[in-house]
Every structure is written in structure tokens, then in C-alpha cells.
Amino acid sequence: MQKQSLDDNCYNITKQLSKKLQFLFHVNKYIEDAHKCANEQAETTWKTIRDDEQKHADMLRNLLISEVKNNRL
């Protein structure tokens, strides 16, 4: 039986999606901490980064779905 492995492209997609999702799991704590310190700039910055990272995670998720549908995974 031949062992299947991910090609570099699919590995990169899944690796970066995982990193984005890990960040998104934790970022609300960063926002809460900034809010507790009454640091509006930090809170706004974390929210902006969160929104950007969510968009990037969505893009990677859609790319991964496309790879699966096209039998590239």
C-alpha cells in the first residue's frame, strides 16, 4: 500500500489555515485585555487584525474546499 502525502501547496494551505484559526480562537482575549486596560487604540487594532485574519481564514478555507473538489488534496 502506497502512503499518501500532501503536496507542498496543500500542506501550505492547511498549515496556514490552522494558524489563522488558532489566532482567531485567542484574539477575543486580547481585545478583552485591551478593553480592561482602557486602551482604545490597542482594542481597535486587535479588532482590525481579527477582521483581516477572519477574511484570510475564509479565503484559505475556500481554497481548501476547491482543492478537495478538484481532487488535488
Protein backbone atom coordinates (compact mmCIF):
# COMPACT_ATOMS: atom_id res chain seq x y z
CA MET A 1 0.00 0.00 0.00
CA GLN A 2 1.39 3.39 -1.03
CA LYS A 3 1.43 6.13 1.57
CA GLN A 4 -0.41 9.30 0.50
CA SER A 5 1.05 12.65 1.42
CA LEU A 6 0.09 16.25 0.83
CA ASP A 7 1.89 18.15 -1.87
CA ASP A 8 3.60 21.36 -0.78
CA ASN A 9 0.71 23.56 -1.89
CA CYS A 10 -1.95 21.64 0.05
CA TYR A 11 0.32 21.43 3.07
CA ASN A 12 0.83 25.20 2.99
CA ILE A 13 -2.90 25.85 2.74
CA THR A 14 -3.76 23.59 5.67
CA LYS A 15 -0.85 24.83 7.79
CA GLN A 16 -1.73 28.50 7.34
CA LEU A 17 -5.44 27.89 7.83
CA SER A 18 -4.62 26.16 11.11
CA LYS A 19 -2.51 29.12 12.24
CA LYS A 20 -5.25 31.60 11.34
CA LEU A 21 -7.87 29.60 13.24
CA GLN A 22 -5.61 29.33 16.31
CA PHE A 23 -5.17 33.10 16.30
CA LEU A 24 -8.91 33.67 15.90
CA PHE A 25 -9.55 31.36 18.84
CA HIS A 26 -7.40 33.60 21.10
CA VAL A 27 -7.86 37.12 19.75
CA ASN A 28 -11.02 37.98 21.68
CA LYS A 29 -9.00 37.58 24.89
CA TYR A 30 -6.51 40.14 23.55
CA ILE A 31 -9.39 42.51 22.78
CA GLU A 32 -10.83 41.97 26.25
CA ASP A 33 -7.44 42.66 27.87
CA ALA A 34 -7.06 45.90 25.92
CA HIS A 35 -10.57 46.92 26.93
CA LYS A 36 -9.82 46.21 30.62
CA CYS A 37 -6.76 48.48 30.37
CA ALA A 38 -8.90 51.18 28.72
CA ASN A 39 -6.53 51.11 25.75
CA GLU A 40 -8.83 52.03 22.89
CA GLN A 41 -6.04 52.05 20.32
CA ALA A 42 -4.96 48.52 21.20
CA GLU A 43 -8.56 47.31 21.25
CA THR A 44 -9.24 48.83 17.83
CA THR A 45 -6.01 47.42 16.45
CA TRP A 46 -6.81 43.88 17.66
CA LYS A 47 -10.31 44.13 16.20
CA THR A 48 -8.93 45.23 12.83
CA ILE A 49 -6.39 42.41 12.83
CA ARG A 50 -9.12 39.94 13.84
CA ASP A 51 -11.32 41.04 10.95
CA ASP A 52 -8.43 40.78 8.48
CA GLU A 53 -7.42 37.35 9.77
CA GLN A 54 -11.03 36.15 9.51
CA LYS A 55 -11.07 37.20 5.86
CA HIS A 56 -7.79 35.38 5.25
CA ALA A 57 -9.07 32.26 7.01
CA ASP A 58 -12.20 32.35 4.85
CA MET A 59 -10.06 32.65 1.72
CA LEU A 60 -7.90 29.70 2.74
CA ARG A 61 -10.96 27.63 3.65
CA ASN A 62 -12.50 28.30 0.25
CA LEU A 63 -9.22 27.42 -1.43
CA LEU A 64 -9.02 24.17 0.51
CA ILE A 65 -12.59 23.31 -0.48
CA SER A 66 -11.68 23.97 -4.11
CA GLU A 67 -8.61 21.72 -3.83
CA VAL A 68 -10.76 18.91 -2.45
CA LYS A 69 -13.42 19.33 -5.14
CA ASN A 70 -10.73 19.23 -7.84
CA ASN A 71 -9.11 16.12 -6.36
CA ARG A 72 -5.88 17.93 -5.60
CA LEU A 73 -5.86 17.01 -1.95
